[in-house]
Amino acid sequence: MANLPDRILAHTGRVIAIERSAQSNAFQTCILTCVNGRFVLKIGDTALKISKLMDEFGVLEALKNYRPFVPQPILYSIEDGIGMFLFSYIEGEGILDALERADTTERHKLVAEFGHMLRKIHTWTPYTPRPANWISDAVKRAAANVAVGRTDNPIMHSGRLRSKSPIEVLSDLYAWCTKVDNDIVFCHGNYCLPNILVLSNRIVGVVDWSAGGYADRRLDLAVGRWTIRHNLGSDEYVDTFLRAYGYNVPAVTLDNFEALYALLL
C-alpha cells in the first residue's frame, strides 16, 4: 500500500502493521494496527466504488447512536482520484468462519442469531430519507441497471433466477410491483453472512453499510435467505432464520425481493 495521507495518519498515528481483510471483496480493505489503536481502511479506485464509499460514510454517520454493532466513521477522503474511508475496528471473526467449525446444533444457533440481529436492525430509526414507495423506486433503479448493462446476462445469481435474462426478470417485477404494499423499515440492504462479525458465537458487528437506508423489510429477509442457501449450500437453516426473525408468512413472498436484489447489485 502506498503511503497513507497525512489526514488519515493524524487519526491513526504511525502504522505498525497492515493486514488484508476478507470483508468487502469489491474493495481493497485493510486492517491497520497503529499507535492509536486498530482501524479499518476501505479504498475505492473507480467512480462507482468512490460513490459507494461516500454512501457508506453517510449511513454510518446516521448510525452513530447504534454502537457497538456498527463501525464508527472517522474520516472520508479523496486523494488523487482514490476514495479512502477510515472507520473503527470491531473485534471479532466472520460468522462464516464460525459456521464452518460448528456442528449442526451450533449452526442453527448462529443462524438464529443472524435472524435476531436483523430484527434488531429493523427497529432502528436513524434520521435518513424515507421513501414513500420504495418498491416502485427500487424497480425503477433495477430497470436503470438493466438499461446500462450493469447486470449479468444471463443472471449469474444462484437460485431460481440463474440463467434468466434481466429483461425477463424485470418484466415480472413490473407486473408485481403495483400489487404489493410497502413495509418500510430501516434496512441493511445487503444482509449477507460475510457482513456479520461474531465473538464467542454472538454477533458483535455488522459491516458493509453502503446500501443501508429505509426500504422494505422483505429485501433484507430475501437476501438473508439467499445468503444462507448460497454460503451454507442448504435450505436446512432457512426456517431457523425466518423463525428467529419472526417472519411467519410463506417464504414465497420473498421471491420477488430476491429478484430485485439480483438486479440492484
Protein backbone atom coordinates (compact mmCIF):
# COMPACT_ATOMS: atom_id res chain seq x y z
CA MET A 1 0.00 0.00 0.00
CA ALA A 2 1.23 3.49 -0.86
CA ASN A 3 1.97 5.94 1.92
CA LEU A 4 -1.19 6.97 3.73
CA PRO A 5 -2.31 10.62 3.51
CA ASP A 6 -1.45 12.86 6.44
CA ARG A 7 -5.16 13.36 7.17
CA ILE A 8 -5.51 9.64 7.93
CA LEU A 9 -2.23 9.38 9.84
CA ALA A 10 -3.39 12.27 12.04
CA HIS A 11 -6.09 9.92 13.38
CA THR A 12 -4.26 6.62 13.37
CA GLY A 13 -0.74 7.62 14.35
CA ARG A 14 2.17 5.63 12.99
CA VAL A 15 1.14 2.40 11.25
CA ILE A 16 2.67 -0.70 12.86
CA ALA A 17 1.09 -3.43 10.73
CA ILE A 18 -1.32 -3.81 7.83
CA GLU A 19 -3.50 -6.90 7.26
CA ARG A 20 -5.68 -7.54 4.26
CA SER A 21 -9.29 -8.02 5.35
CA ALA A 22 -11.52 -10.67 3.78
CA GLN A 23 -14.52 -8.36 4.16
CA SER A 24 -15.83 -6.24 1.28
CA ASN A 25 -14.16 -8.14 -1.54
CA ALA A 26 -15.21 -5.46 -4.04
CA PHE A 27 -12.88 -3.01 -2.29
CA GLN A 28 -9.32 -3.04 -1.08
CA THR A 29 -9.97 -3.33 2.64
CA CYS A 30 -7.17 -3.35 5.23
CA ILE A 31 -6.96 -3.62 8.99
CA LEU A 32 -4.44 -1.10 10.31
CA THR A 33 -2.69 -1.68 13.61
CA CYS A 34 -1.42 1.72 14.66
CA VAL A 35 -0.04 3.65 17.59
CA ASN A 36 -3.56 4.93 18.31
CA GLY A 37 -5.29 1.56 18.03
CA ARG A 38 -6.79 -0.61 15.29
CA PHE A 39 -8.74 0.78 12.34
CA VAL A 40 -10.23 -0.39 9.05
CA LEU A 41 -9.38 1.40 5.82
CA LYS A 42 -11.56 0.82 2.77
CA ILE A 43 -10.29 2.04 -0.61
CA GLY A 44 -12.23 2.63 -3.84
CA ASP A 45 -10.46 3.25 -7.14
CA THR A 46 -13.38 3.75 -9.54
CA ALA A 47 -16.17 6.33 -9.69
CA LEU A 48 -18.75 3.71 -8.68
CA LYS A 49 -16.69 2.48 -5.73
CA ILE A 50 -15.97 6.03 -4.58
CA SER A 51 -19.72 6.73 -4.70
CA LYS A 52 -20.44 3.62 -2.61
CA LEU A 53 -17.83 4.65 -0.04
CA MET A 54 -19.49 8.06 0.24
CA ASP A 55 -22.86 6.34 0.70
CA GLU A 56 -21.47 4.11 3.44
CA PHE A 57 -19.87 7.05 5.23
CA GLY A 58 -23.25 8.82 5.23
CA VAL A 59 -25.11 5.78 6.55
CA LEU A 60 -22.60 5.19 9.35
CA GLU A 61 -22.79 8.86 10.31
CA ALA A 62 -26.55 8.36 10.74
CA LEU A 63 -25.97 5.18 12.80
CA LYS A 64 -23.56 6.66 15.35
CA ASN A 65 -26.05 6.03 18.16
CA TYR A 66 -26.22 2.31 17.38
CA ARG A 67 -22.91 1.22 18.80
CA PRO A 68 -21.42 -1.29 19.31
CA PHE A 69 -22.95 -3.16 16.37
CA VAL A 70 -21.81 -0.79 13.62
CA PRO A 71 -18.36 0.66 12.88
CA GLN A 72 -17.87 4.30 13.76
CA PRO A 73 -16.94 6.51 10.78
CA ILE A 74 -13.77 8.52 11.29
CA LEU A 75 -12.71 10.08 8.00
CA TYR A 76 -13.61 10.06 4.32
CA SER A 77 -11.08 11.44 1.87
CA ILE A 78 -10.40 11.50 -1.86
CA GLU A 79 -6.70 11.63 -2.72
CA ASP A 80 -5.60 11.70 -6.37
CA GLY A 81 -8.85 10.12 -7.52
CA ILE A 82 -8.78 7.37 -4.87
CA GLY A 83 -11.51 7.23 -2.23
CA MET A 84 -10.40 6.31 1.30
CA PHE A 85 -12.79 5.61 4.15
CA LEU A 86 -11.38 5.11 7.66
CA PHE A 87 -13.59 3.64 10.36
CA SER A 88 -13.33 1.89 13.69
CA TYR A 89 -12.32 -1.75 14.02
CA ILE A 90 -14.75 -4.22 15.61
CA GLU A 91 -13.09 -7.15 17.33
CA GLY A 92 -14.49 -10.43 16.05
CA GLU A 93 -14.35 -13.06 13.34
CA GLY A 94 -16.54 -13.56 10.30
CA ILE A 95 -19.61 -15.63 11.06
CA LEU A 96 -18.77 -17.87 8.10
CA ASP A 97 -15.59 -18.98 9.87
CA ALA A 98 -17.61 -19.80 12.98
CA LEU A 99 -20.21 -21.67 10.92
CA GLU A 100 -17.53 -23.73 9.22
CA ARG A 101 -16.29 -25.01 12.60
CA ALA A 102 -19.75 -25.51 14.09
CA ASP A 103 -21.73 -28.73 14.33
CA THR A 104 -25.37 -28.77 13.20
CA THR A 105 -26.78 -27.61 16.54
CA GLU A 106 -24.32 -24.73 16.80
CA ARG A 107 -25.01 -23.77 13.20
CA HIS A 108 -28.71 -23.42 13.93
CA LYS A 109 -27.88 -21.21 16.94
CA LEU A 110 -25.66 -18.98 14.81
CA VAL A 111 -28.28 -18.71 12.09
CA ALA A 112 -30.86 -17.82 14.74
CA GLU A 113 -28.50 -15.07 15.93
CA PHE A 114 -28.42 -13.88 12.32
CA GLY A 115 -32.22 -13.62 12.33
CA HIS A 116 -32.38 -11.92 15.74
CA MET A 117 -29.82 -9.33 14.66
CA LEU A 118 -31.83 -8.45 11.57
CA ARG A 119 -34.95 -7.98 13.70
CA LYS A 120 -32.95 -5.60 15.90
CA ILE A 121 -31.72 -3.59 12.90
CA HIS A 122 -35.29 -3.24 11.67
CA THR A 123 -36.24 -1.47 14.92
CA TRP A 124 -33.62 1.26 14.41
CA THR A 125 -34.86 4.71 13.43
CA PRO A 126 -31.91 6.83 12.23
CA TYR A 127 -32.54 10.13 10.55
CA THR A 128 -32.20 9.28 6.85
CA PRO A 129 -34.60 9.81 3.93
CA ARG A 130 -37.70 7.61 3.96
CA PRO A 131 -39.19 6.84 0.51
CA ALA A 132 -42.94 6.90 0.03
CA ASN A 133 -42.94 3.89 -2.32
CA TRP A 134 -39.67 2.01 -2.02
CA ILE A 135 -40.78 -0.96 -4.13
CA SER A 136 -41.64 1.20 -7.13
CA ASP A 137 -38.43 3.21 -6.74
CA ALA A 138 -36.36 0.01 -6.48
CA VAL A 139 -37.88 -1.44 -9.66
CA LYS A 140 -37.01 1.79 -11.48
CA ARG A 141 -33.40 1.57 -10.23
CA ALA A 142 -33.27 -2.07 -11.32
CA ALA A 143 -34.53 -1.02 -14.77
CA ALA A 144 -31.78 1.61 -14.97
CA ASN A 145 -29.17 -1.05 -14.15
CA VAL A 146 -30.53 -3.32 -16.85
CA ALA A 147 -30.62 -0.47 -19.39
CA VAL A 148 -26.91 0.30 -19.00
CA GLY A 149 -25.85 -3.34 -18.88
CA ARG A 150 -24.84 -3.32 -15.21
CA THR A 151 -26.45 -6.73 -14.60
CA ASP A 152 -25.14 -10.09 -15.78
CA ASN A 153 -26.89 -11.51 -18.83
CA PRO A 154 -27.88 -14.22 -18.18
CA ILE A 155 -28.15 -13.63 -14.45
CA MET A 156 -25.39 -15.43 -12.51
CA HIS A 157 -27.22 -15.09 -9.19
CA SER A 158 -27.57 -18.55 -7.65
CA GLY A 159 -31.02 -19.98 -7.10
CA ARG A 160 -34.21 -19.84 -9.13
CA LEU A 161 -33.04 -16.78 -11.12
CA ARG A 162 -29.93 -18.42 -12.55
CA SER A 163 -29.70 -18.18 -16.35
CA LYS A 164 -32.79 -15.95 -16.66
CA SER A 165 -32.37 -12.79 -18.69
CA PRO A 166 -32.53 -9.45 -16.81
CA ILE A 167 -35.31 -8.30 -19.16
CA GLU A 168 -37.40 -11.36 -18.26
CA VAL A 169 -36.93 -10.79 -14.53
CA LEU A 170 -37.63 -7.06 -14.87
CA SER A 171 -40.86 -7.74 -16.76
CA ASP A 172 -42.07 -9.94 -13.91
CA LEU A 173 -41.16 -7.23 -11.39
CA TYR A 174 -43.09 -4.54 -13.27
CA ALA A 175 -46.20 -6.73 -13.20
CA TRP A 176 -45.74 -7.49 -9.50
CA CYS A 177 -44.80 -4.11 -8.01
CA THR A 178 -48.23 -2.49 -8.42
CA LYS A 179 -49.91 -5.31 -6.49
CA VAL A 180 -47.86 -5.32 -3.30
CA ASP A 181 -47.82 -2.89 -0.37
CA ASN A 182 -44.62 -1.47 1.09
CA ASP A 183 -43.46 -2.49 4.58
CA ILE A 184 -40.77 0.11 5.18
CA VAL A 185 -38.22 -0.11 7.99
CA PHE A 186 -34.56 0.77 8.29
CA CYS A 187 -32.64 -1.91 6.36
CA HIS A 188 -29.07 -3.01 5.84
CA GLY A 189 -29.60 -3.51 2.12
CA ASN A 190 -27.02 -6.30 1.72
CA TYR A 191 -27.65 -8.51 4.74
CA CYS A 192 -25.28 -11.35 3.82
CA LEU A 193 -23.43 -13.72 6.12
CA PRO A 194 -19.99 -12.35 5.06
CA ASN A 195 -21.02 -8.98 6.54
CA ILE A 196 -21.51 -10.38 10.06
CA LEU A 197 -18.88 -10.48 12.82
CA VAL A 198 -19.14 -12.74 15.87
CA LEU A 199 -17.29 -13.26 19.12
CA SER A 200 -17.95 -16.37 21.21
CA ASN A 201 -20.78 -17.20 18.79
CA ARG A 202 -22.62 -13.93 19.47
CA ILE A 203 -22.97 -11.23 16.84
CA VAL A 204 -20.85 -8.21 17.72
CA GLY A 205 -20.83 -6.29 14.45
CA VAL A 206 -22.46 -5.75 11.07
CA VAL A 207 -20.37 -4.19 8.29
CA ASP A 208 -20.69 -3.00 4.67
CA TRP A 209 -23.47 -0.43 5.01
CA SER A 210 -23.27 1.28 1.60
CA ALA A 211 -26.81 0.13 0.71
CA GLY A 212 -28.29 0.95 4.13
CA GLY A 213 -31.44 3.03 4.41
CA TYR A 214 -35.21 2.83 4.69
CA ALA A 215 -36.56 0.07 2.46
CA ASP A 216 -38.96 -2.85 2.54
CA ARG A 217 -38.02 -5.29 5.31
CA ARG A 218 -38.55 -8.20 2.91
CA LEU A 219 -35.48 -7.15 0.92
CA ASP A 220 -33.20 -7.91 3.89
CA LEU A 221 -35.12 -11.11 4.61
CA ALA A 222 -34.79 -12.23 0.99
CA VAL A 223 -31.07 -11.50 0.99
CA GLY A 224 -30.68 -13.32 4.30
CA ARG A 225 -32.48 -16.35 2.90
CA TRP A 226 -30.39 -16.24 -0.28
CA THR A 227 -27.04 -15.99 1.58
CA ILE A 228 -27.92 -18.97 3.78
CA ARG A 229 -28.62 -21.08 0.71
CA HIS A 230 -25.59 -19.73 -1.14
CA ASN A 231 -22.99 -19.76 1.64
CA LEU A 232 -24.18 -22.84 3.54
CA GLY A 233 -25.30 -24.78 0.47
CA SER A 234 -28.55 -25.91 2.06
CA ASP A 235 -32.16 -24.90 2.75
CA GLU A 236 -31.85 -26.61 6.13
CA TYR A 237 -31.23 -23.37 8.01
CA VAL A 238 -33.67 -21.04 6.22
CA ASP A 239 -36.61 -21.87 8.51
CA THR A 240 -34.40 -21.26 11.55
CA PHE A 241 -33.50 -17.79 10.22
CA LEU A 242 -37.09 -16.81 9.39
CA ARG A 243 -38.47 -18.14 12.71
CA ALA A 244 -35.80 -16.30 14.69
CA TYR A 245 -36.70 -13.09 12.90
CA GLY A 246 -40.43 -13.67 13.42
CA TYR A 247 -41.42 -13.84 9.76
CA ASN A 248 -44.50 -16.04 9.82
CA VAL A 249 -45.89 -15.66 6.31
CA PRO A 250 -45.00 -18.02 3.44
CA ALA A 251 -41.37 -17.64 2.33
CA VAL A 252 -42.51 -17.46 -1.31
CA THR A 253 -43.43 -13.82 -0.56
CA LEU A 254 -39.68 -13.11 -0.58
CA ASP A 255 -39.05 -14.37 -4.11
CA ASN A 256 -39.55 -11.09 -5.97
CA PHE A 257 -37.46 -9.21 -3.42
CA GLU A 258 -34.63 -11.65 -4.16
CA ALA A 259 -35.13 -10.87 -7.85
CA LEU A 260 -34.86 -7.16 -7.08
CA TYR A 261 -31.66 -7.78 -5.16
CA ALA A 262 -30.15 -9.57 -8.14
CA LEU A 263 -30.81 -6.55 -10.36
CA LEU A 264 -29.75 -3.95 -7.79
CA LEU A 265 -26.31 -5.44 -7.02
